[in-house]
């Protein structure tokens, strides 16, 4: 896999981990209709997800030096989801 492909994969992993954590929080929370409570649940789930990024990169065979790239994409999606819950409208983050 060339460097460009590894970078794309790292970005994808970062986005996927954030989206997965948000989906799990939404499905598992009885407070999904309370935006303030949901933000707290999401923040906790995102922290758990952030710690999983490195293991996902390793499983995919992506070099550890691309962790920051994956984490940046994770952060973009995380922030967009939290803003969406807060404002009632989700804006897909720029890639």
PDB file of N, CA and C in Angstrom:
ATOM      1  N   UNK A   1       0.856  -1.165   0.000  1.00  0.00           N
ATOM      2  CA  UNK A   1       0.000   0.000   0.000  1.00  0.00           C
ATOM      3  C   UNK A   1       0.903   1.229   0.000  1.00  0.00           C
ATOM      4  N   UNK A   2       0.632   2.178  -0.904  1.00  0.00           N
ATOM      5  CA  UNK A   2       1.474   3.367  -0.965  1.00  0.00           C
ATOM      6  C   UNK A   2       1.055   4.382   0.107  1.00  0.00           C
ATOM      7  N   UNK A   3       1.830   5.435   0.241  1.00  0.00           N
ATOM      8  CA  UNK A   3       1.607   6.435   1.291  1.00  0.00           C
ATOM      9  C   UNK A   3       0.259   7.119   1.156  1.00  0.00           C
ATOM     10  N   UNK A   4      -0.140   7.436  -0.050  1.00  0.00           N
ATOM     11  CA  UNK A   4      -1.428   8.095  -0.264  1.00  0.00           C
ATOM     12  C   UNK A   4      -2.583   7.194   0.187  1.00  0.00           C
ATOM     13  N   UNK A   5      -2.507   5.926  -0.145  1.00  0.00           N
ATOM     14  CA  UNK A   5      -3.542   4.980   0.272  1.00  0.00           C
ATOM     15  C   UNK A   5      -3.570   4.819   1.794  1.00  0.00           C
ATOM     16  N   UNK A   6      -2.392   4.789   2.403  1.00  0.00           N
ATOM     17  CA  UNK A   6      -2.320   4.678   3.858  1.00  0.00           C
ATOM     18  C   UNK A   6      -2.930   5.906   4.530  1.00  0.00           C
ATOM     19  N   UNK A   7      -2.696   7.072   3.971  1.00  0.00           N
ATOM     20  CA  UNK A   7      -3.256   8.302   4.513  1.00  0.00           C
ATOM     21  C   UNK A   7      -4.781   8.298   4.397  1.00  0.00           C
ATOM     22  N   UNK A   8      -5.282   7.879   3.242  1.00  0.00           N
ATOM     23  CA  UNK A   8      -6.740   7.792   3.058  1.00  0.00           C
ATOM     24  C   UNK A   8      -7.351   6.807   4.044  1.00  0.00           C
ATOM     25  N   UNK A   9      -6.693   5.693   4.245  1.00  0.00           N
ATOM     26  CA  UNK A   9      -7.187   4.685   5.171  1.00  0.00           C
ATOM     27  C   UNK A   9      -7.175   5.213   6.601  1.00  0.00           C
ATOM     28  N   UNK A  10      -6.133   5.926   6.982  1.00  0.00           N
ATOM     29  CA  UNK A  10      -6.050   6.510   8.326  1.00  0.00           C
ATOM     30  C   UNK A  10      -7.189   7.498   8.542  1.00  0.00           C
ATOM     31  N   UNK A  11      -7.459   8.323   7.543  1.00  0.00           N
ATOM     32  CA  UNK A  11      -8.570   9.282   7.656  1.00  0.00           C
ATOM     33  C   UNK A  11      -9.897   8.550   7.806  1.00  0.00           C
ATOM     34  N   UNK A  12     -10.076   7.532   7.006  1.00  0.00           N
ATOM     35  CA  UNK A  12     -11.303   6.746   7.052  1.00  0.00           C
ATOM     36  C   UNK A  12     -11.486   6.082   8.416  1.00  0.00           C
ATOM     37  N   UNK A  13     -10.420   5.557   8.954  1.00  0.00           N
ATOM     38  CA  UNK A  13     -10.480   4.924  10.273  1.00  0.00           C
ATOM     39  C   UNK A  13     -10.882   5.943  11.331  1.00  0.00           C
ATOM     40  N   UNK A  14     -10.300   7.124  11.297  1.00  0.00           N
ATOM     41  CA  UNK A  14     -10.656   8.164  12.263  1.00  0.00           C
ATOM     42  C   UNK A  14     -12.134   8.514  12.192  1.00  0.00           C
ATOM     43  N   UNK A  15     -12.629   8.700  10.968  1.00  0.00           N
ATOM     44  CA  UNK A  15     -14.057   9.018  10.799  1.00  0.00           C
ATOM     45  C   UNK A  15     -14.940   7.864  11.265  1.00  0.00           C
ATOM     46  N   UNK A  16     -14.578   6.654  10.874  1.00  0.00           N
ATOM     47  CA  UNK A  16     -15.388   5.485  11.218  1.00  0.00           C
ATOM     48  C   UNK A  16     -15.486   5.268  12.722  1.00  0.00           C
ATOM     49  N   UNK A  17     -14.382   5.438  13.430  1.00  0.00           N
ATOM     50  CA  UNK A  17     -14.397   5.245  14.882  1.00  0.00           C
ATOM     51  C   UNK A  17     -15.332   6.267  15.529  1.00  0.00           C
ATOM     52  N   UNK A  18     -15.262   7.518  15.112  1.00  0.00           N
ATOM     53  CA  UNK A  18     -16.136   8.549  15.679  1.00  0.00           C
ATOM     54  C   UNK A  18     -17.606   8.250  15.367  1.00  0.00           C
ATOM     55  N   UNK A  19     -17.889   7.870  14.137  1.00  0.00           N
ATOM     56  CA  UNK A  19     -19.268   7.579  13.756  1.00  0.00           C
ATOM     57  C   UNK A  19     -19.809   6.365  14.503  1.00  0.00           C
ATOM     58  N   UNK A  20     -18.971   5.363  14.673  1.00  0.00           N
ATOM     59  CA  UNK A  20     -19.383   4.165  15.401  1.00  0.00           C
ATOM     60  C   UNK A  20     -19.714   4.498  16.853  1.00  0.00           C
ATOM     61  N   UNK A  21     -18.861   5.294  17.487  1.00  0.00           N
ATOM     62  CA  UNK A  21     -19.094   5.652  18.887  1.00  0.00           C
ATOM     63  C   UNK A  21     -20.381   6.464  19.021  1.00  0.00           C
ATOM     64  N   UNK A  22     -20.649   7.358  18.067  1.00  0.00           N
ATOM     65  CA  UNK A  22     -21.874   8.147  18.116  1.00  0.00           C
ATOM     66  C   UNK A  22     -23.099   7.258  17.939  1.00  0.00           C
ATOM     67  N   UNK A  23     -23.022   6.343  17.007  1.00  0.00           N
ATOM     68  CA  UNK A  23     -24.141   5.439  16.762  1.00  0.00           C
ATOM     69  C   UNK A  23     -24.413   4.569  17.992  1.00  0.00           C
ATOM     70  N   UNK A  24     -23.379   4.038  18.589  1.00  0.00           N
ATOM     71  CA  UNK A  24     -23.553   3.232  19.794  1.00  0.00           C
ATOM     72  C   UNK A  24     -24.172   4.047  20.926  1.00  0.00           C
ATOM     73  N   UNK A  25     -23.760   5.294  21.059  1.00  0.00           N
ATOM     74  CA  UNK A  25     -24.325   6.156  22.099  1.00  0.00           C
ATOM     75  C   UNK A  25     -25.794   6.436  21.828  1.00  0.00           C
ATOM     76  N   UNK A  26     -26.113   6.707  20.598  1.00  0.00           N
ATOM     77  CA  UNK A  26     -27.493   7.025  20.237  1.00  0.00           C
ATOM     78  C   UNK A  26     -28.407   5.819  20.451  1.00  0.00           C
ATOM     79  N   UNK A  27     -27.973   4.674  20.004  1.00  0.00           N
ATOM     80  CA  UNK A  27     -28.788   3.458  20.136  1.00  0.00           C
ATOM     81  C   UNK A  27     -28.939   3.060  21.607  1.00  0.00           C
ATOM     82  N   UNK A  28     -27.870   3.189  22.366  1.00  0.00           N
ATOM     83  CA  UNK A  28     -27.875   2.704  23.739  1.00  0.00           C
ATOM     84  C   UNK A  28     -28.379   3.664  24.785  1.00  0.00           C
ATOM     85  N   UNK A  29     -28.686   4.891  24.421  1.00  0.00           N
ATOM     86  CA  UNK A  29     -29.061   5.878  25.431  1.00  0.00           C
ATOM     87  C   UNK A  29     -30.566   6.100  25.493  1.00  0.00           C
ATOM     88  N   UNK A  30     -31.129   5.976  26.688  1.00  0.00           N
ATOM     89  CA  UNK A  30     -32.549   6.309  26.841  1.00  0.00           C
ATOM     90  C   UNK A  30     -32.775   7.821  26.861  1.00  0.00           C
ATOM     91  N   UNK A  31     -31.683   8.604  26.865  1.00  0.00           N
ATOM     92  CA  UNK A  31     -31.785  10.065  26.946  1.00  0.00           C
ATOM     93  C   UNK A  31     -31.581  10.739  25.597  1.00  0.00           C
ATOM     94  N   UNK A  32     -31.811  10.027  24.511  1.00  0.00           N
ATOM     95  CA  UNK A  32     -31.527  10.573  23.183  1.00  0.00           C
ATOM     96  C   UNK A  32     -32.367  11.793  22.826  1.00  0.00           C
ATOM     97  N   UNK A  33     -33.458  12.034  23.530  1.00  0.00           N
ATOM     98  CA  UNK A  33     -34.288  13.204  23.257  1.00  0.00           C
ATOM     99  C   UNK A  33     -33.912  14.397  24.130  1.00  0.00           C
ATOM    100  N   UNK A  34     -32.894  14.257  24.933  1.00  0.00           N
ATOM    101  CA  UNK A  34     -32.400  15.336  25.789  1.00  0.00           C
ATOM    102  C   UNK A  34     -31.016  15.740  25.284  1.00  0.00           C
ATOM    103  N   UNK A  35     -30.927  16.838  24.505  1.00  0.00           N
ATOM    104  CA  UNK A  35     -29.647  17.219  23.884  1.00  0.00           C
ATOM    105  C   UNK A  35     -28.499  17.411  24.871  1.00  0.00           C
ATOM    106  N   UNK A  36     -28.773  17.989  26.023  1.00  0.00           N
ATOM    107  CA  UNK A  36     -27.702  18.229  27.000  1.00  0.00           C
ATOM    108  C   UNK A  36     -27.176  16.904  27.541  1.00  0.00           C
ATOM    109  N   UNK A  37     -28.074  16.025  27.924  1.00  0.00           N
ATOM    110  CA  UNK A  37     -27.658  14.714  28.431  1.00  0.00           C
ATOM    111  C   UNK A  37     -26.972  13.905  27.334  1.00  0.00           C
ATOM    112  N   UNK A  38     -27.483  14.009  26.115  1.00  0.00           N
ATOM    113  CA  UNK A  38     -26.909  13.255  25.014  1.00  0.00           C
ATOM    114  C   UNK A  38     -25.486  13.720  24.714  1.00  0.00           C
ATOM    115  N   UNK A  39     -25.235  15.009  24.847  1.00  0.00           N
ATOM    116  CA  UNK A  39     -23.873  15.511  24.640  1.00  0.00           C
ATOM    117  C   UNK A  39     -22.913  14.890  25.653  1.00  0.00           C
ATOM    118  N   UNK A  40     -23.364  14.757  26.889  1.00  0.00           N
ATOM    119  CA  UNK A  40     -22.505  14.137  27.906  1.00  0.00           C
ATOM    120  C   UNK A  40     -22.220  12.676  27.575  1.00  0.00           C
ATOM    121  N   UNK A  41     -23.257  11.963  27.151  1.00  0.00           N
ATOM    122  CA  UNK A  41     -23.091  10.556  26.776  1.00  0.00           C
ATOM    123  C   UNK A  41     -22.138  10.441  25.582  1.00  0.00           C
ATOM    124  N   UNK A  42     -22.337  11.301  24.594  1.00  0.00           N
ATOM    125  CA  UNK A  42     -21.477  11.280  23.407  1.00  0.00           C
ATOM    126  C   UNK A  42     -20.024  11.587  23.758  1.00  0.00           C
ATOM    127  N   UNK A  43     -19.808  12.593  24.585  1.00  0.00           N
ATOM    128  CA  UNK A  43     -18.442  12.957  24.966  1.00  0.00           C
ATOM    129  C   UNK A  43     -17.729  11.778  25.628  1.00  0.00           C
ATOM    130  N   UNK A  44     -18.435  11.066  26.496  1.00  0.00           N
ATOM    131  CA  UNK A  44     -17.858   9.913  27.165  1.00  0.00           C
ATOM    132  C   UNK A  44     -17.546   8.808  26.139  1.00  0.00           C
ATOM    133  N   UNK A  45     -18.458   8.571  25.225  1.00  0.00           N
ATOM    134  CA  UNK A  45     -18.237   7.555  24.193  1.00  0.00           C
ATOM    135  C   UNK A  45     -17.109   7.942  23.252  1.00  0.00           C
ATOM    136  N   UNK A  46     -17.002   9.216  22.931  1.00  0.00           N
ATOM    137  CA  UNK A  46     -15.914   9.661  22.063  1.00  0.00           C
ATOM    138  C   UNK A  46     -14.557   9.462  22.727  1.00  0.00           C
ATOM    139  N   UNK A  47     -14.477   9.690  24.029  1.00  0.00           N
ATOM    140  CA  UNK A  47     -13.204   9.472  24.723  1.00  0.00           C
ATOM    141  C   UNK A  47     -12.807   8.000  24.667  1.00  0.00           C
ATOM    142  N   UNK A  48     -13.783   7.116  24.816  1.00  0.00           N
ATOM    143  CA  UNK A  48     -13.489   5.686  24.697  1.00  0.00           C
ATOM    144  C   UNK A  48     -13.040   5.349  23.272  1.00  0.00           C
ATOM    145  N   UNK A  49     -13.683   5.946  22.292  1.00  0.00           N
ATOM    146  CA  UNK A  49     -13.341   5.684  20.900  1.00  0.00           C
ATOM    147  C   UNK A  49     -11.973   6.193  20.525  1.00  0.00           C
ATOM    148  N   UNK A  50     -11.620   7.348  21.047  1.00  0.00           N
ATOM    149  CA  UNK A  50     -10.308   7.928  20.731  1.00  0.00           C
ATOM    150  C   UNK A  50      -9.183   6.983  21.136  1.00  0.00           C
ATOM    151  N   UNK A  51      -9.379   6.260  22.226  1.00  0.00           N
ATOM    152  CA  UNK A  51      -8.350   5.329  22.677  1.00  0.00           C
ATOM    153  C   UNK A  51      -8.258   4.089  21.781  1.00  0.00           C
ATOM    154  N   UNK A  52      -9.246   3.884  20.926  1.00  0.00           N
ATOM    155  CA  UNK A  52      -9.262   2.717  20.044  1.00  0.00           C
ATOM    156  C   UNK A  52      -8.628   2.975  18.679  1.00  0.00           C
ATOM    157  N   UNK A  53      -8.340   4.214  18.376  1.00  0.00           N
ATOM    158  CA  UNK A  53      -7.828   4.563  17.049  1.00  0.00           C
ATOM    159  C   UNK A  53      -6.547   3.792  16.722  1.00  0.00           C
ATOM    160  N   UNK A  54      -5.606   3.783  17.651  1.00  0.00           N
ATOM    161  CA  UNK A  54      -4.320   3.132  17.394  1.00  0.00           C
ATOM    162  C   UNK A  54      -4.488   1.651  17.080  1.00  0.00           C
ATOM    163  N   UNK A  55      -5.355   0.971  17.808  1.00  0.00           N
ATOM    164  CA  UNK A  55      -5.527  -0.460  17.541  1.00  0.00           C
ATOM    165  C   UNK A  55      -6.168  -0.703  16.173  1.00  0.00           C
ATOM    166  N   UNK A  56      -7.059   0.182  15.758  1.00  0.00           N
ATOM    167  CA  UNK A  56      -7.663   0.066  14.427  1.00  0.00           C
ATOM    168  C   UNK A  56      -6.609   0.290  13.335  1.00  0.00           C
ATOM    169  N   UNK A  57      -5.736   1.249  13.551  1.00  0.00           N
ATOM    170  CA  UNK A  57      -4.661   1.502  12.586  1.00  0.00           C
ATOM    171  C   UNK A  57      -3.742   0.286  12.481  1.00  0.00           C
ATOM    172  N   UNK A  58      -3.395  -0.291  13.620  1.00  0.00           N
ATOM    173  CA  UNK A  58      -2.517  -1.453  13.641  1.00  0.00           C
ATOM    174  C   UNK A  58      -3.150  -2.628  12.905  1.00  0.00           C
ATOM    175  N   UNK A  59      -4.430  -2.876  13.175  1.00  0.00           N
ATOM    176  CA  UNK A  59      -5.133  -3.977  12.510  1.00  0.00           C
ATOM    177  C   UNK A  59      -5.180  -3.782  10.995  1.00  0.00           C
ATOM    178  N   UNK A  60      -5.256  -2.526  10.566  1.00  0.00           N
ATOM    179  CA  UNK A  60      -5.334  -2.231   9.133  1.00  0.00           C
ATOM    180  C   UNK A  60      -3.952  -2.181   8.479  1.00  0.00           C
ATOM    181  N   UNK A  61      -2.904  -2.266   9.276  1.00  0.00           N
ATOM    182  CA  UNK A  61      -1.551  -2.215   8.730  1.00  0.00           C
ATOM    183  C   UNK A  61      -1.097  -0.818   8.373  1.00  0.00           C
ATOM    184  N   UNK A  62      -1.670   0.173   9.035  1.00  0.00           N
ATOM    185  CA  UNK A  62      -1.304   1.572   8.781  1.00  0.00           C
ATOM    186  C   UNK A  62      -0.211   1.959   9.775  1.00  0.00           C
ATOM    187  N   UNK A  63       0.852   2.618   9.304  1.00  0.00           N
ATOM    188  CA  UNK A  63       1.958   2.993  10.194  1.00  0.00           C
ATOM    189  C   UNK A  63       1.513   3.921  11.332  1.00  0.00           C
ATOM    190  N   UNK A  64       2.163   3.782  12.453  1.00  0.00           N
ATOM    191  CA  UNK A  64       1.830   4.568  13.644  1.00  0.00           C
ATOM    192  C   UNK A  64       1.994   6.064  13.428  1.00  0.00           C
ATOM    193  N   UNK A  65       2.851   6.469  12.490  1.00  0.00           N
ATOM    194  CA  UNK A  65       3.059   7.901  12.266  1.00  0.00           C
ATOM    195  C   UNK A  65       1.837   8.576  11.635  1.00  0.00           C
ATOM    196  N   UNK A  66       0.840   7.798  11.231  1.00  0.00           N
ATOM    197  CA  UNK A  66      -0.398   8.379  10.685  1.00  0.00           C
ATOM    198  C   UNK A  66      -1.496   8.494  11.739  1.00  0.00           C
ATOM    199  N   UNK A  67      -1.127   8.253  13.002  1.00  0.00           N
ATOM    200  CA  UNK A  67      -2.096   8.375  14.092  1.00  0.00           C
ATOM    201  C   UNK A  67      -2.698   9.772  14.136  1.00  0.00           C
ATOM    202  N   UNK A  68      -1.870  10.785  13.997  1.00  0.00           N
ATOM    203  CA  UNK A  68      -2.345  12.174  14.076  1.00  0.00           C
ATOM    204  C   UNK A  68      -3.368  12.456  12.969  1.00  0.00           C
ATOM    205  N   UNK A  69      -3.152  11.908  11.792  1.00  0.00           N
ATOM    206  CA  UNK A  69      -4.091  12.069  10.677  1.00  0.00           C
ATOM    207  C   UNK A  69      -5.436  11.459  11.030  1.00  0.00           C
ATOM    208  N   UNK A  70      -5.420  10.249  11.569  1.00  0.00           N
ATOM    209  CA  UNK A  70      -6.662   9.582  11.969  1.00  0.00           C
ATOM    210  C   UNK A  70      -7.346  10.348  13.096  1.00  0.00           C
ATOM    211  N   UNK A  71      -6.549  10.814  14.045  1.00  0.00           N
ATOM    212  CA  UNK A  71      -7.115  11.556  15.174  1.00  0.00           C
ATOM    213  C   UNK A  71      -7.738  12.876  14.719  1.00  0.00           C
ATOM    214  N   UNK A  72      -7.133  13.543  13.752  1.00  0.00           N
ATOM    215  CA  UNK A  72      -7.702  14.787  13.221  1.00  0.00           C
ATOM    216  C   UNK A  72      -9.065  14.547  12.580  1.00  0.00           C
ATOM    217  N   UNK A  73      -9.187  13.478  11.811  1.00  0.00           N
ATOM    218  CA  UNK A  73     -10.476  13.147  11.188  1.00  0.00           C
ATOM    219  C   UNK A  73     -11.497  12.756  12.252  1.00  0.00           C
ATOM    220  N   UNK A  74     -11.050  12.028  13.252  1.00  0.00           N
ATOM    221  CA  UNK A  74     -11.917  11.670  14.379  1.00  0.00           C
ATOM    222  C   UNK A  74     -12.467  12.935  15.029  1.00  0.00           C
ATOM    223  N   UNK A  75     -11.578  13.890  15.290  1.00  0.00           N
ATOM    224  CA  UNK A  75     -11.972  15.136  15.944  1.00  0.00           C
ATOM    225  C   UNK A  75     -12.984  15.915  15.110  1.00  0.00           C
ATOM    226  N   UNK A  76     -12.765  15.984  13.795  1.00  0.00           N
ATOM    227  CA  UNK A  76     -13.687  16.708  12.918  1.00  0.00           C
ATOM    228  C   UNK A  76     -15.096  16.128  12.995  1.00  0.00           C
ATOM    229  N   UNK A  77     -15.188  14.811  12.921  1.00  0.00           N
ATOM    230  CA  UNK A  77     -16.500  14.159  12.975  1.00  0.00           C
ATOM    231  C   UNK A  77     -17.108  14.316  14.362  1.00  0.00           C
ATOM    232  N   UNK A  78     -16.300  14.133  15.394  1.00  0.00           N
ATOM    233  CA  UNK A  78     -16.772  14.290  16.770  1.00  0.00           C
ATOM    234  C   UNK A  78     -17.352  15.680  16.984  1.00  0.00           C
ATOM    235  N   UNK A  79     -16.626  16.699  16.571  1.00  0.00           N
ATOM    236  CA  UNK A  79     -17.093  18.073  16.736  1.00  0.00           C
ATOM    237  C   UNK A  79     -18.376  18.331  15.944  1.00  0.00           C
ATOM    238  N   UNK A  80     -18.449  17.791  14.737  1.00  0.00           N
ATOM    239  CA  UNK A  80     -19.649  17.972  13.912  1.00  0.00           C
ATOM    240  C   UNK A  80     -20.863  17.312  14.553  1.00  0.00           C
ATOM    241  N   UNK A  81     -20.661  16.142  15.116  1.00  0.00           N
ATOM    242  CA  UNK A  81     -21.772  15.430  15.766  1.00  0.00           C
ATOM    243  C   UNK A  81     -22.214  16.171  17.019  1.00  0.00           C
ATOM    244  N   UNK A  82     -21.270  16.612  17.831  1.00  0.00           N
ATOM    245  CA  UNK A  82     -21.630  17.358  19.036  1.00  0.00           C
ATOM    246  C   UNK A  82     -22.334  18.666  18.691  1.00  0.00           C
ATOM    247  N   UNK A  83     -21.867  19.352  17.662  1.00  0.00           N
ATOM    248  CA  UNK A  83     -22.542  20.579  17.214  1.00  0.00           C
ATOM    249  C   UNK A  83     -23.946  20.262  16.696  1.00  0.00           C
ATOM    250  N   UNK A  84     -24.080  19.136  15.992  1.00  0.00           N
ATOM    251  CA  UNK A  84     -25.385  18.737  15.477  1.00  0.00           C
ATOM    252  C   UNK A  84     -26.379  18.465  16.582  1.00  0.00           C
ATOM    253  N   UNK A  85     -25.937  17.821  17.637  1.00  0.00           N
ATOM    254  CA  UNK A  85     -26.822  17.558  18.772  1.00  0.00           C
ATOM    255  C   UNK A  85     -27.186  18.866  19.458  1.00  0.00           C
ATOM    256  N   UNK A  86     -26.211  19.736  19.599  1.00  0.00           N
ATOM    257  CA  UNK A  86     -26.431  21.023  20.268  1.00  0.00           C
ATOM    258  C   UNK A  86     -27.371  21.924  19.470  1.00  0.00           C
ATOM    259  N   UNK A  87     -27.172  21.983  18.152  1.00  0.00           N
ATOM    260  CA  UNK A  87     -27.932  22.905  17.303  1.00  0.00           C
ATOM    261  C   UNK A  87     -29.115  22.266  16.602  1.00  0.00           C
ATOM    262  N   UNK A  88     -29.229  20.957  16.689  1.00  0.00           N
ATOM    263  CA  UNK A  88     -30.333  20.270  16.044  1.00  0.00           C
ATOM    264  C   UNK A  88     -30.147  20.046  14.559  1.00  0.00           C
ATOM    265  N   UNK A  89     -28.935  20.292  14.039  1.00  0.00           N
ATOM    266  CA  UNK A  89     -28.681  20.082  12.622  1.00  0.00           C
ATOM    267  C   UNK A  89     -27.239  19.639  12.432  1.00  0.00           C
ATOM    268  N   UNK A  90     -27.071  18.502  11.777  1.00  0.00           N
ATOM    269  CA  UNK A  90     -25.746  17.942  11.559  1.00  0.00           C
ATOM    270  C   UNK A  90     -25.183  18.461  10.238  1.00  0.00           C
ATOM    271  N   UNK A  91     -23.963  18.965  10.285  1.00  0.00           N
ATOM    272  CA  UNK A  91     -23.235  19.405   9.095  1.00  0.00           C
ATOM    273  C   UNK A  91     -22.063  18.452   8.889  1.00  0.00           C
ATOM    274  N   UNK A  92     -22.015  17.798   7.757  1.00  0.00           N
ATOM    275  CA  UNK A  92     -20.915  16.884   7.474  1.00  0.00           C
ATOM    276  C   UNK A  92     -19.614  17.682   7.435  1.00  0.00           C
ATOM    277  N   UNK A  93     -18.579  17.237   8.163  1.00  0.00           N
ATOM    278  CA  UNK A  93     -17.315  17.971   8.162  1.00  0.00           C
ATOM    279  C   UNK A  93     -16.619  17.884   6.801  1.00  0.00           C
ATOM    280  N   UNK A  94     -15.901  18.940   6.484  1.00  0.00           N
ATOM    281  CA  UNK A  94     -15.138  18.969   5.230  1.00  0.00           C
ATOM    282  C   UNK A  94     -14.046  17.922   5.268  1.00  0.00           C
ATOM    283  N   UNK A  95     -13.734  17.358   4.105  1.00  0.00           N
ATOM    284  CA  UNK A  95     -12.679  16.339   4.039  1.00  0.00           C
ATOM    285  C   UNK A  95     -11.433  16.922   3.486  1.00  0.00           C
TER     286      UNK A  95
END
